[in-house]
Amino acid sequence: MTAKFKDLALDALDHQAQADWWCTTLGYVRRSPRAESPPDWPVAIVDPAGEGPLIWLNPVPEGKTVKNRMHLDVWGDPAELAAAGARLVAERGEGREWHVMADPEGNEFCVFER
């Protein structure tokens, strides 16, 4: 074995806001309370049920400018995600069984309806 999966990492201009958004969207929680870490440190969010991977939101000085090379796939309702602040990029159809959406900073993710 050369490598073993550990965590996911997402870069964000406002990593604190993105951590809050993804926590709400996925039902995750911050691994450590906000007051325990300096505000410019990466934020780890976790699935309280222990089923999903740990996700790091890392602060970066630049906004997103090109398409993601890696992204999240989630089960969900596109309308609910849009109401929570996501943007629809491409609807399901034309041979694609998922919707492409973007989080508040423009990071694309795929939404599969149950």
PDB file of N, CA and C in Angstrom:
ATOM      1  N   MET A   1       0.844  -1.170   0.000  1.00  0.00           N
ATOM      2  CA  MET A   1       0.000   0.000   0.000  1.00  0.00           C
ATOM      3  C   MET A   1       0.897   1.242   0.000  1.00  0.00           C
ATOM      4  N   THR A   2       0.626   2.162  -0.913  1.00  0.00           N
ATOM      5  CA  THR A   2       1.394   3.391  -1.021  1.00  0.00           C
ATOM      6  C   THR A   2       0.827   4.498  -0.161  1.00  0.00           C
ATOM      7  N   ALA A   3      -0.496   4.611  -0.112  1.00  0.00           N
ATOM      8  CA  ALA A   3      -1.136   5.665   0.668  1.00  0.00           C
ATOM      9  C   ALA A   3      -2.489   5.178   1.162  1.00  0.00           C
ATOM     10  N   LYS A   4      -2.992   5.834   2.210  1.00  0.00           N
ATOM     11  CA  LYS A   4      -4.305   5.514   2.751  1.00  0.00           C
ATOM     12  C   LYS A   4      -5.057   6.827   2.965  1.00  0.00           C
ATOM     13  N   PHE A   5      -6.316   6.864   2.555  1.00  0.00           N
ATOM     14  CA  PHE A   5      -7.122   8.077   2.697  1.00  0.00           C
ATOM     15  C   PHE A   5      -7.172   8.512   4.157  1.00  0.00           C
ATOM     16  N   LYS A   6      -7.015   9.836   4.387  1.00  0.00           N
ATOM     17  CA  LYS A   6      -7.073  10.386   5.738  1.00  0.00           C
ATOM     18  C   LYS A   6      -8.214  11.378   5.875  1.00  0.00           C
ATOM     19  N   ASP A   7      -8.146  12.534   5.216  1.00  0.00           N
ATOM     20  CA  ASP A   7      -9.122  13.609   5.354  1.00  0.00           C
ATOM     21  C   ASP A   7      -9.368  14.263   4.001  1.00  0.00           C
ATOM     22  N   LEU A   8     -10.365  15.137   3.954  1.00  0.00           N
ATOM     23  CA  LEU A   8     -10.581  16.032   2.823  1.00  0.00           C
ATOM     24  C   LEU A   8     -10.162  17.433   3.252  1.00  0.00           C
ATOM     25  N   ALA A   9      -9.715  18.230   2.314  1.00  0.00           N
ATOM     26  CA  ALA A   9      -9.336  19.613   2.623  1.00  0.00           C
ATOM     27  C   ALA A   9      -9.918  20.532   1.556  1.00  0.00           C
ATOM     28  N   LEU A  10     -10.569  21.596   1.996  1.00  0.00           N
ATOM     29  CA  LEU A  10     -11.108  22.603   1.096  1.00  0.00           C
ATOM     30  C   LEU A  10     -10.462  23.939   1.410  1.00  0.00           C
ATOM     31  N   ASP A  11      -9.963  24.610   0.393  1.00  0.00           N
ATOM     32  CA  ASP A  11      -9.415  25.948   0.580  1.00  0.00           C
ATOM     33  C   ASP A  11     -10.545  26.951   0.539  1.00  0.00           C
ATOM     34  N   ALA A  12     -10.425  28.021   1.319  1.00  0.00           N
ATOM     35  CA  ALA A  12     -11.483  29.018   1.376  1.00  0.00           C
ATOM     36  C   ALA A  12     -10.913  30.380   1.736  1.00  0.00           C
ATOM     37  N   LEU A  13     -11.440  31.389   1.091  1.00  0.00           N
ATOM     38  CA  LEU A  13     -11.063  32.765   1.403  1.00  0.00           C
ATOM     39  C   LEU A  13     -11.564  33.124   2.803  1.00  0.00           C
ATOM     40  N   ASP A  14     -12.817  32.787   3.108  1.00  0.00           N
ATOM     41  CA  ASP A  14     -13.375  32.965   4.452  1.00  0.00           C
ATOM     42  C   ASP A  14     -13.667  31.577   5.013  1.00  0.00           C
ATOM     43  N   HIS A  15     -12.616  30.938   5.527  1.00  0.00           N
ATOM     44  CA  HIS A  15     -12.738  29.549   5.969  1.00  0.00           C
ATOM     45  C   HIS A  15     -13.675  29.385   7.156  1.00  0.00           C
ATOM     46  N   GLN A  16     -13.807  30.404   7.980  1.00  0.00           N
ATOM     47  CA  GLN A  16     -14.730  30.312   9.116  1.00  0.00           C
ATOM     48  C   GLN A  16     -16.177  30.242   8.613  1.00  0.00           C
ATOM     49  N   ALA A  17     -16.536  31.124   7.680  1.00  0.00           N
ATOM     50  CA  ALA A  17     -17.892  31.116   7.128  1.00  0.00           C
ATOM     51  C   ALA A  17     -18.149  29.828   6.347  1.00  0.00           C
ATOM     52  N   GLN A  18     -17.152  29.370   5.602  1.00  0.00           N
ATOM     53  CA  GLN A  18     -17.320  28.130   4.839  1.00  0.00           C
ATOM     54  C   GLN A  18     -17.488  26.936   5.778  1.00  0.00           C
ATOM     55  N   ALA A  19     -16.750  26.917   6.890  1.00  0.00           N
ATOM     56  CA  ALA A  19     -16.909  25.832   7.871  1.00  0.00           C
ATOM     57  C   ALA A  19     -18.334  25.827   8.405  1.00  0.00           C
ATOM     58  N   ASP A  20     -18.859  27.009   8.723  1.00  0.00           N
ATOM     59  CA  ASP A  20     -20.237  27.090   9.216  1.00  0.00           C
ATOM     60  C   ASP A  20     -21.222  26.609   8.152  1.00  0.00           C
ATOM     61  N   TRP A  21     -21.005  27.027   6.891  1.00  0.00           N
ATOM     62  CA  TRP A  21     -21.920  26.640   5.821  1.00  0.00           C
ATOM     63  C   TRP A  21     -21.918  25.129   5.609  1.00  0.00           C
ATOM     64  N   TRP A  22     -20.731  24.534   5.527  1.00  0.00           N
ATOM     65  CA  TRP A  22     -20.662  23.089   5.318  1.00  0.00           C
ATOM     66  C   TRP A  22     -21.188  22.325   6.532  1.00  0.00           C
ATOM     67  N   CYS A  23     -20.984  22.834   7.748  1.00  0.00           N
ATOM     68  CA  CYS A  23     -21.561  22.182   8.939  1.00  0.00           C
ATOM     69  C   CYS A  23     -23.082  22.145   8.822  1.00  0.00           C
ATOM     70  N   THR A  24     -23.678  23.266   8.477  1.00  0.00           N
ATOM     71  CA  THR A  24     -25.129  23.328   8.322  1.00  0.00           C
ATOM     72  C   THR A  24     -25.590  22.416   7.191  1.00  0.00           C
ATOM     73  N   THR A  25     -24.900  22.456   6.075  1.00  0.00           N
ATOM     74  CA  THR A  25     -25.292  21.693   4.894  1.00  0.00           C
ATOM     75  C   THR A  25     -25.183  20.185   5.110  1.00  0.00           C
ATOM     76  N   LEU A  26     -24.102  19.754   5.743  1.00  0.00           N
ATOM     77  CA  LEU A  26     -23.862  18.315   5.917  1.00  0.00           C
ATOM     78  C   LEU A  26     -24.313  17.765   7.269  1.00  0.00           C
ATOM     79  N   GLY A  27     -24.714  18.643   8.172  1.00  0.00           N
ATOM     80  CA  GLY A  27     -25.037  18.176   9.524  1.00  0.00           C
ATOM     81  C   GLY A  27     -23.787  17.882  10.327  1.00  0.00           C
ATOM     82  N   TYR A  28     -22.681  18.493   9.945  1.00  0.00           N
ATOM     83  CA  TYR A  28     -21.410  18.320  10.644  1.00  0.00           C
ATOM     84  C   TYR A  28     -21.320  19.312  11.808  1.00  0.00           C
ATOM     85  N   VAL A  29     -20.292  19.147  12.614  1.00  0.00           N
ATOM     86  CA  VAL A  29     -19.979  20.074  13.704  1.00  0.00           C
ATOM     87  C   VAL A  29     -18.481  20.372  13.659  1.00  0.00           C
ATOM     88  N   ARG A  30     -18.119  21.487  14.256  1.00  0.00           N
ATOM     89  CA  ARG A  30     -16.686  21.788  14.384  1.00  0.00           C
ATOM     90  C   ARG A  30     -16.068  20.789  15.355  1.00  0.00           C
ATOM     91  N   ARG A  31     -14.873  20.314  15.025  1.00  0.00           N
ATOM     92  CA  ARG A  31     -14.192  19.356  15.901  1.00  0.00           C
ATOM     93  C   ARG A  31     -13.808  20.018  17.213  1.00  0.00           C
ATOM     94  N   SER A  32     -13.410  21.280  17.161  1.00  0.00           N
ATOM     95  CA  SER A  32     -13.064  22.054  18.352  1.00  0.00           C
ATOM     96  C   SER A  32     -13.916  23.315  18.369  1.00  0.00           C
ATOM     97  N   PRO A  33     -14.331  23.760  19.543  1.00  0.00           N
ATOM     98  CA  PRO A  33     -15.087  25.009  19.611  1.00  0.00           C
ATOM     99  C   PRO A  33     -14.305  26.175  19.000  1.00  0.00           C
ATOM    100  N   ARG A  34     -15.024  27.086  18.387  1.00  0.00           N
ATOM    101  CA  ARG A  34     -14.425  28.219  17.678  1.00  0.00           C
ATOM    102  C   ARG A  34     -13.447  29.003  18.553  1.00  0.00           C
ATOM    103  N   ALA A  35     -13.752  29.156  19.839  1.00  0.00           N
ATOM    104  CA  ALA A  35     -12.921  29.961  20.741  1.00  0.00           C
ATOM    105  C   ALA A  35     -11.598  29.291  21.111  1.00  0.00           C
ATOM    106  N   GLU A  36     -11.451  27.991  20.817  1.00  0.00           N
ATOM    107  CA  GLU A  36     -10.236  27.272  21.226  1.00  0.00           C
ATOM    108  C   GLU A  36      -9.057  27.433  20.274  1.00  0.00           C
ATOM    109  N   SER A  37      -9.293  27.932  19.068  1.00  0.00           N
ATOM    110  CA  SER A  37      -8.222  28.059  18.078  1.00  0.00           C
ATOM    111  C   SER A  37      -8.148  29.493  17.577  1.00  0.00           C
ATOM    112  N   PRO A  38      -6.955  29.945  17.206  1.00  0.00           N
ATOM    113  CA  PRO A  38      -6.852  31.271  16.599  1.00  0.00           C
ATOM    114  C   PRO A  38      -7.716  31.332  15.338  1.00  0.00           C
ATOM    115  N   PRO A  39      -8.339  32.476  15.050  1.00  0.00           N
ATOM    116  CA  PRO A  39      -9.263  32.563  13.917  1.00  0.00           C
ATOM    117  C   PRO A  39      -8.623  32.324  12.552  1.00  0.00           C
ATOM    118  N   ASP A  40      -7.295  32.438  12.443  1.00  0.00           N
ATOM    119  CA  ASP A  40      -6.641  32.232  11.150  1.00  0.00           C
ATOM    120  C   ASP A  40      -6.139  30.790  10.968  1.00  0.00           C
ATOM    121  N   TRP A  41      -6.404  29.911  11.899  1.00  0.00           N
ATOM    122  CA  TRP A  41      -6.011  28.504  11.773  1.00  0.00           C
ATOM    123  C   TRP A  41      -7.054  27.737  10.970  1.00  0.00           C
ATOM    124  N   PRO A  42      -6.669  26.647  10.315  1.00  0.00           N
ATOM    125  CA  PRO A  42      -7.647  25.794   9.631  1.00  0.00           C
ATOM    126  C   PRO A  42      -8.706  25.289  10.610  1.00  0.00           C
ATOM    127  N   VAL A  43      -9.890  25.023  10.080  1.00  0.00           N
ATOM    128  CA  VAL A  43     -11.005  24.525  10.891  1.00  0.00           C
ATOM    129  C   VAL A  43     -11.331  23.108  10.439  1.00  0.00           C
ATOM    130  N   ALA A  44     -11.388  22.201  11.398  1.00  0.00           N
ATOM    131  CA  ALA A  44     -11.778  20.817  11.108  1.00  0.00           C
ATOM    132  C   ALA A  44     -13.240  20.645  11.461  1.00  0.00           C
ATOM    133  N   ILE A  45     -14.011  20.043  10.527  1.00  0.00           N
ATOM    134  CA  ILE A  45     -15.408  19.726  10.805  1.00  0.00           C
ATOM    135  C   ILE A  45     -15.590  18.217  10.678  1.00  0.00           C
ATOM    136  N   VAL A  46     -16.491  17.687  11.512  1.00  0.00           N
ATOM    137  CA  VAL A  46     -16.668  16.235  11.577  1.00  0.00           C
ATOM    138  C   VAL A  46     -18.141  15.866  11.552  1.00  0.00           C
ATOM    139  N   ASP A  47     -18.406  14.661  11.116  1.00  0.00           N
ATOM    140  CA  ASP A  47     -19.745  14.081  11.139  1.00  0.00           C
ATOM    141  C   ASP A  47     -19.975  13.560  12.554  1.00  0.00           C
ATOM    142  N   PRO A  48     -20.945  14.119  13.306  1.00  0.00           N
ATOM    143  CA  PRO A  48     -21.149  13.651  14.679  1.00  0.00           C
ATOM    144  C   PRO A  48     -21.563  12.183  14.763  1.00  0.00           C
ATOM    145  N   ALA A  49     -22.092  11.632  13.661  1.00  0.00           N
ATOM    146  CA  ALA A  49     -22.462  10.213  13.645  1.00  0.00           C
ATOM    147  C   ALA A  49     -21.246   9.330  13.365  1.00  0.00           C
ATOM    148  N   GLY A  50     -20.116   9.944  12.996  1.00  0.00           N
ATOM    149  CA  GLY A  50     -18.906   9.179  12.721  1.00  0.00           C
ATOM    150  C   GLY A  50     -18.900   8.472  11.385  1.00  0.00           C
ATOM    151  N   GLU A  51     -19.818   8.818  10.490  1.00  0.00           N
ATOM    152  CA  GLU A  51     -19.906   8.135   9.203  1.00  0.00           C
ATOM    153  C   GLU A  51     -19.120   8.825   8.092  1.00  0.00           C
ATOM    154  N   GLY A  52     -19.100  10.138   8.080  1.00  0.00           N
ATOM    155  CA  GLY A  52     -18.440  10.872   7.009  1.00  0.00           C
ATOM    156  C   GLY A  52     -16.996  11.197   7.341  1.00  0.00           C
ATOM    157  N   PRO A  53     -16.241  11.620   6.337  1.00  0.00           N
ATOM    158  CA  PRO A  53     -14.835  11.945   6.562  1.00  0.00           C
ATOM    159  C   PRO A  53     -14.658  13.267   7.290  1.00  0.00           C
ATOM    160  N   LEU A  54     -13.523  13.421   7.934  1.00  0.00           N
ATOM    161  CA  LEU A  54     -13.143  14.695   8.516  1.00  0.00           C
ATOM    162  C   LEU A  54     -12.823  15.652   7.365  1.00  0.00           C
ATOM    163  N   ILE A  55     -13.294  16.885   7.456  1.00  0.00           N
ATOM    164  CA  ILE A  55     -13.047  17.881   6.410  1.00  0.00           C
ATOM    165  C   ILE A  55     -12.360  19.084   7.044  1.00  0.00           C
ATOM    166  N   TRP A  56     -11.256  19.502   6.431  1.00  0.00           N
ATOM    167  CA  TRP A  56     -10.540  20.703   6.866  1.00  0.00           C
ATOM    168  C   TRP A  56     -10.917  21.863   5.956  1.00  0.00           C
ATOM    169  N   LEU A  57     -11.192  23.017   6.533  1.00  0.00           N
ATOM    170  CA  LEU A  57     -11.390  24.252   5.788  1.00  0.00           C
ATOM    171  C   LEU A  57     -10.147  25.086   6.045  1.00  0.00           C
ATOM    172  N   ASN A  58      -9.347  25.264   4.999  1.00  0.00           N
ATOM    173  CA  ASN A  58      -8.057  25.928   5.115  1.00  0.00           C
ATOM    174  C   ASN A  58      -8.112  27.349   4.576  1.00  0.00           C
ATOM    175  N   PRO A  59      -7.619  28.313   5.338  1.00  0.00           N
ATOM    176  CA  PRO A  59      -7.623  29.690   4.853  1.00  0.00           C
ATOM    177  C   PRO A  59      -6.573  29.883   3.758  1.00  0.00           C
ATOM    178  N   VAL A  60      -6.990  30.546   2.698  1.00  0.00           N
ATOM    179  CA  VAL A  60      -6.063  30.913   1.621  1.00  0.00           C
ATOM    180  C   VAL A  60      -6.313  32.374   1.262  1.00  0.00           C
ATOM    181  N   PRO A  61      -5.320  33.057   0.710  1.00  0.00           N
ATOM    182  CA  PRO A  61      -5.469  34.488   0.427  1.00  0.00           C
ATOM    183  C   PRO A  61      -6.188  34.811  -0.870  1.00  0.00           C
ATOM    184  N   GLU A  62      -6.476  33.799  -1.694  1.00  0.00           N
ATOM    185  CA  GLU A  62      -7.094  34.071  -2.996  1.00  0.00           C
ATOM    186  C   GLU A  62      -8.437  33.371  -3.107  1.00  0.00           C
ATOM    187  N   GLY A  63      -9.316  33.950  -3.906  1.00  0.00           N
ATOM    188  CA  GLY A  63     -10.596  33.323  -4.190  1.00  0.00           C
ATOM    189  C   GLY A  63     -10.443  32.248  -5.248  1.00  0.00           C
ATOM    190  N   LYS A  64     -11.468  31.441  -5.422  1.00  0.00           N
ATOM    191  CA  LYS A  64     -11.466  30.389  -6.425  1.00  0.00           C
ATOM    192  C   LYS A  64     -11.563  31.009  -7.816  1.00  0.00           C
ATOM    193  N   THR A  65     -10.751  30.516  -8.744  1.00  0.00           N
ATOM    194  CA  THR A  65     -10.758  31.100 -10.089  1.00  0.00           C
ATOM    195  C   THR A  65     -11.020  30.092 -11.199  1.00  0.00           C
ATOM    196  N   VAL A  66     -10.782  28.812 -10.962  1.00  0.00           N
ATOM    197  CA  VAL A  66     -11.002  27.807 -12.005  1.00  0.00           C
ATOM    198  C   VAL A  66     -11.778  26.628 -11.429  1.00  0.00           C
ATOM    199  N   LYS A  67     -12.213  25.732 -12.299  1.00  0.00           N
ATOM    200  CA  LYS A  67     -12.975  24.562 -11.879  1.00  0.00           C
ATOM    201  C   LYS A  67     -12.165  23.681 -10.929  1.00  0.00           C
ATOM    202  N   ASN A  68     -12.871  23.129  -9.929  1.00  0.00           N
ATOM    203  CA  ASN A  68     -12.226  22.198  -9.000  1.00  0.00           C
ATOM    204  C   ASN A  68     -11.706  20.978  -9.749  1.00  0.00           C
ATOM    205  N   ARG A  69     -10.575  20.463  -9.344  1.00  0.00           N
ATOM    206  CA  ARG A  69     -10.087  19.195  -9.886  1.00  0.00           C
ATOM    207  C   ARG A  69     -10.598  18.031  -9.043  1.00  0.00           C
ATOM    208  N   MET A  70     -10.971  18.300  -7.796  1.00  0.00           N
ATOM    209  CA  MET A  70     -11.562  17.301  -6.911  1.00  0.00           C
ATOM    210  C   MET A  70     -12.751  17.989  -6.242  1.00  0.00           C
ATOM    211  N   HIS A  71     -13.811  17.219  -5.978  1.00  0.00           N
ATOM    212  CA  HIS A  71     -14.992  17.830  -5.386  1.00  0.00           C
ATOM    213  C   HIS A  71     -15.722  16.832  -4.501  1.00  0.00           C
ATOM    214  N   LEU A  72     -16.703  17.322  -3.765  1.00  0.00           N
ATOM    215  CA  LEU A  72     -17.542  16.479  -2.933  1.00  0.00           C
ATOM    216  C   LEU A  72     -18.758  16.019  -3.732  1.00  0.00           C
ATOM    217  N   ASP A  73     -19.222  14.814  -3.470  1.00  0.00           N
ATOM    218  CA  ASP A  73     -20.511  14.314  -3.946  1.00  0.00           C
ATOM    219  C   ASP A  73     -21.371  14.165  -2.707  1.00  0.00           C
ATOM    220  N   VAL A  74     -22.603  14.685  -2.759  1.00  0.00           N
ATOM    221  CA  VAL A  74     -23.495  14.600  -1.611  1.00  0.00           C
ATOM    222  C   VAL A  74     -24.867  14.108  -2.047  1.00  0.00           C
ATOM    223  N   TRP A  75     -25.602  13.489  -1.122  1.00  0.00           N
ATOM    224  CA  TRP A  75     -27.014  13.205  -1.304  1.00  0.00           C
ATOM    225  C   TRP A  75     -27.734  14.451  -0.819  1.00  0.00           C
ATOM    226  N   GLY A  76     -28.731  14.932  -1.556  1.00  0.00           N
ATOM    227  CA  GLY A  76     -29.453  16.094  -1.074  1.00  0.00           C
ATOM    228  C   GLY A  76     -30.509  16.581  -2.039  1.00  0.00           C
ATOM    229  N   ASP A  77     -31.168  17.648  -1.631  1.00  0.00           N
ATOM    230  CA  ASP A  77     -32.211  18.297  -2.406  1.00  0.00           C
ATOM    231  C   ASP A  77     -31.661  19.610  -2.939  1.00  0.00           C
ATOM    232  N   PRO A  78     -31.518  19.739  -4.250  1.00  0.00           N
ATOM    233  CA  PRO A  78     -30.953  20.964  -4.820  1.00  0.00           C
ATOM    234  C   PRO A  78     -31.683  22.233  -4.388  1.00  0.00           C
ATOM    235  N   ALA A  79     -33.007  22.173  -4.258  1.00  0.00           N
ATOM    236  CA  ALA A  79     -33.760  23.360  -3.852  1.00  0.00           C
ATOM    237  C   ALA A  79     -33.407  23.768  -2.421  1.00  0.00           C
ATOM    238  N   GLU A  80     -33.270  22.796  -1.530  1.00  0.00           N
ATOM    239  CA  GLU A  80     -32.887  23.107  -0.147  1.00  0.00           C
ATOM    240  C   GLU A  80     -31.472  23.656  -0.085  1.00  0.00           C
ATOM    241  N   LEU A  81     -30.585  23.082  -0.878  1.00  0.00           N
ATOM    242  CA  LEU A  81     -29.203  23.576  -0.897  1.00  0.00           C
ATOM    243  C   LEU A  81     -29.139  25.000  -1.453  1.00  0.00           C
ATOM    244  N   ALA A  82     -29.945  25.274  -2.477  1.00  0.00           N
ATOM    245  CA  ALA A  82     -29.991  26.632  -3.033  1.00  0.00           C
ATOM    246  C   ALA A  82     -30.534  27.605  -1.988  1.00  0.00           C
ATOM    247  N   ALA A  83     -31.553  27.199  -1.253  1.00  0.00           N
ATOM    248  CA  ALA A  83     -32.109  28.054  -0.201  1.00  0.00           C
ATOM    249  C   ALA A  83     -31.087  28.323   0.899  1.00  0.00           C
ATOM    250  N   ALA A  84     -30.149  27.384   1.090  1.00  0.00           N
ATOM    251  CA  ALA A  84     -29.106  27.542   2.104  1.00  0.00           C
ATOM    252  C   ALA A  84     -27.906  28.346   1.603  1.00  0.00           C
ATOM    253  N   GLY A  85     -27.920  28.737   0.326  1.00  0.00           N
ATOM    254  CA  GLY A  85     -26.826  29.573  -0.179  1.00  0.00           C
ATOM    255  C   GLY A  85     -26.013  28.978  -1.300  1.00  0.00           C
ATOM    256  N   ALA A  86     -26.310  27.739  -1.711  1.00  0.00           N
ATOM    257  CA  ALA A  86     -25.588  27.144  -2.841  1.00  0.00           C
ATOM    258  C   ALA A  86     -26.162  27.697  -4.146  1.00  0.00           C
ATOM    259  N   ARG A  87     -25.392  27.593  -5.205  1.00  0.00           N
ATOM    260  CA  ARG A  87     -25.816  28.055  -6.528  1.00  0.00           C
ATOM    261  C   ARG A  87     -25.848  26.866  -7.477  1.00  0.00           C
ATOM    262  N   LEU A  88     -26.914  26.754  -8.263  1.00  0.00           N
ATOM    263  CA  LEU A  88     -27.015  25.694  -9.260  1.00  0.00           C
ATOM    264  C   LEU A  88     -26.112  26.037 -10.440  1.00  0.00           C
ATOM    265  N   VAL A  89     -25.212  25.134 -10.787  1.00  0.00           N
ATOM    266  CA  VAL A  89     -24.305  25.315 -11.922  1.00  0.00           C
ATOM    267  C   VAL A  89     -24.854  24.597 -13.147  1.00  0.00           C
ATOM    268  N   ALA A  90     -25.311  23.351 -12.955  1.00  0.00           N
ATOM    269  CA  ALA A  90     -25.864  22.560 -14.058  1.00  0.00           C
ATOM    270  C   ALA A  90     -26.879  21.576 -13.503  1.00  0.00           C
ATOM    271  N   GLU A  91     -28.066  21.563 -14.119  1.00  0.00           N
ATOM    272  CA  GLU A  91     -29.097  20.631 -13.690  1.00  0.00           C
ATOM    273  C   GLU A  91     -28.812  19.228 -14.185  1.00  0.00           C
ATOM    274  N   ARG A  92     -29.392  18.264 -13.471  1.00  0.00           N
ATOM    275  CA  ARG A  92     -29.316  16.873 -13.882  1.00  0.00           C
ATOM    276  C   ARG A  92     -29.940  16.762 -15.273  1.00  0.00           C
ATOM    277  N   GLY A  93     -29.386  15.921 -16.100  1.00  0.00           N
ATOM    278  CA  GLY A  93     -29.928  15.712 -17.435  1.00  0.00           C
ATOM    279  C   GLY A  93     -28.829  15.503 -18.448  1.00  0.00           C
ATOM    280  N   GLU A  94     -29.225  15.256 -19.682  1.00  0.00           N
ATOM    281  CA  GLU A  94     -28.271  15.034 -20.773  1.00  0.00           C
ATOM    282  C   GLU A  94     -27.253  13.958 -20.411  1.00  0.00           C
ATOM    283  N   GLY A  95     -27.749  12.841 -19.835  1.00  0.00           N
ATOM    284  CA  GLY A  95     -26.866  11.736 -19.484  1.00  0.00           C
ATOM    285  C   GLY A  95     -26.192  11.879 -18.129  1.00  0.00           C
ATOM    286  N   ARG A  96     -26.425  12.988 -17.437  1.00  0.00           N
ATOM    287  CA  ARG A  96     -25.822  13.220 -16.115  1.00  0.00           C
ATOM    288  C   ARG A  96     -26.897  12.971 -15.067  1.00  0.00           C
ATOM    289  N   GLU A  97     -26.626  12.096 -14.113  1.00  0.00           N
ATOM    290  CA  GLU A  97     -27.610  11.721 -13.097  1.00  0.00           C
ATOM    291  C   GLU A  97     -27.493  12.550 -11.825  1.00  0.00           C
ATOM    292  N   TRP A  98     -26.834  13.688 -11.877  1.00  0.00           N
ATOM    293  CA  TRP A  98     -26.623  14.534 -10.707  1.00  0.00           C
ATOM    294  C   TRP A  98     -26.694  15.994 -11.129  1.00  0.00           C
ATOM    295  N   HIS A  99     -26.891  16.845 -10.140  1.00  0.00           N
ATOM    296  CA  HIS A  99     -26.848  18.294 -10.336  1.00  0.00           C
ATOM    297  C   HIS A  99     -25.466  18.764  -9.928  1.00  0.00           C
ATOM    298  N   VAL A 100     -24.959  19.770 -10.591  1.00  0.00           N
ATOM    299  CA  VAL A 100     -23.703  20.393 -10.175  1.00  0.00           C
ATOM    300  C   VAL A 100     -24.078  21.700  -9.496  1.00  0.00           C
ATOM    301  N   MET A 101     -23.577  21.877  -8.277  1.00  0.00           N
ATOM    302  CA  MET A 101     -23.855  23.097  -7.524  1.00  0.00           C
ATOM    303  C   MET A 101     -22.544  23.684  -7.039  1.00  0.00           C
ATOM    304  N   ALA A 102     -22.599  24.903  -6.534  1.00  0.00           N
ATOM    305  CA  ALA A 102     -21.410  25.563  -5.990  1.00  0.00           C
ATOM    306  C   ALA A 102     -21.742  26.104  -4.606  1.00  0.00           C
ATOM    307  N   ASP A 103     -20.802  25.982  -3.682  1.00  0.00           N
ATOM    308  CA  ASP A 103     -20.991  26.522  -2.340  1.00  0.00           C
ATOM    309  C   ASP A 103     -20.864  28.053  -2.397  1.00  0.00           C
ATOM    310  N   PRO A 104     -21.017  28.755  -1.284  1.00  0.00           N
ATOM    311  CA  PRO A 104     -20.971  30.219  -1.329  1.00  0.00           C
ATOM    312  C   PRO A 104     -19.679  30.824  -1.892  1.00  0.00           C
ATOM    313  N   GLU A 105     -18.571  30.096  -1.872  1.00  0.00           N
ATOM    314  CA  GLU A 105     -17.329  30.614  -2.456  1.00  0.00           C
ATOM    315  C   GLU A 105     -17.081  30.085  -3.864  1.00  0.00           C
ATOM    316  N   GLY A 106     -18.018  29.308  -4.409  1.00  0.00           N
ATOM    317  CA  GLY A 106     -17.896  28.835  -5.780  1.00  0.00           C
ATOM    318  C   GLY A 106     -17.291  27.461  -5.953  1.00  0.00           C
ATOM    319  N   ASN A 107     -17.003  26.746  -4.865  1.00  0.00           N
ATOM    320  CA  ASN A 107     -16.473  25.382  -4.977  1.00  0.00           C
ATOM    321  C   ASN A 107     -17.586  24.448  -5.429  1.00  0.00           C
ATOM    322  N   GLU A 108     -17.372  23.779  -6.579  1.00  0.00           N
ATOM    323  CA  GLU A 108     -18.389  22.902  -7.114  1.00  0.00           C
ATOM    324  C   GLU A 108     -18.513  21.616  -6.307  1.00  0.00           C
ATOM    325  N   PHE A 109     -19.750  21.113  -6.247  1.00  0.00           N
ATOM    326  CA  PHE A 109     -20.007  19.791  -5.672  1.00  0.00           C
ATOM    327  C   PHE A 109     -21.204  19.199  -6.406  1.00  0.00           C
ATOM    328  N   CYS A 110     -21.287  17.879  -6.415  1.00  0.00           N
ATOM    329  CA  CYS A 110     -22.360  17.196  -7.124  1.00  0.00           C
ATOM    330  C   CYS A 110     -23.422  16.753  -6.139  1.00  0.00           C
ATOM    331  N   VAL A 111     -24.688  16.918  -6.537  1.00  0.00           N
ATOM    332  CA  VAL A 111     -25.813  16.583  -5.675  1.00  0.00           C
ATOM    333  C   VAL A 111     -26.608  15.463  -6.330  1.00  0.00           C
ATOM    334  N   PHE A 112     -26.717  14.366  -5.612  1.00  0.00           N
ATOM    335  CA  PHE A 112     -27.496  13.221  -6.054  1.00  0.00           C
ATOM    336  C   PHE A 112     -28.776  13.190  -5.224  1.00  0.00           C
ATOM    337  N   GLU A 113     -29.925  13.139  -5.909  1.00  0.00           N
ATOM    338  CA  GLU A 113     -31.192  13.051  -5.198  1.00  0.00           C
ATOM    339  C   GLU A 113     -31.489  11.595  -4.886  1.00  0.00           C
ATOM    340  N   ARG A 114     -31.997  11.334  -3.711  1.00  0.00           N
ATOM    341  CA  ARG A 114     -32.335   9.953  -3.315  1.00  0.00           C
ATOM    342  C   ARG A 114     -33.559   9.482  -4.041  1.00  0.00           C
TER     343      ARG A 114
END
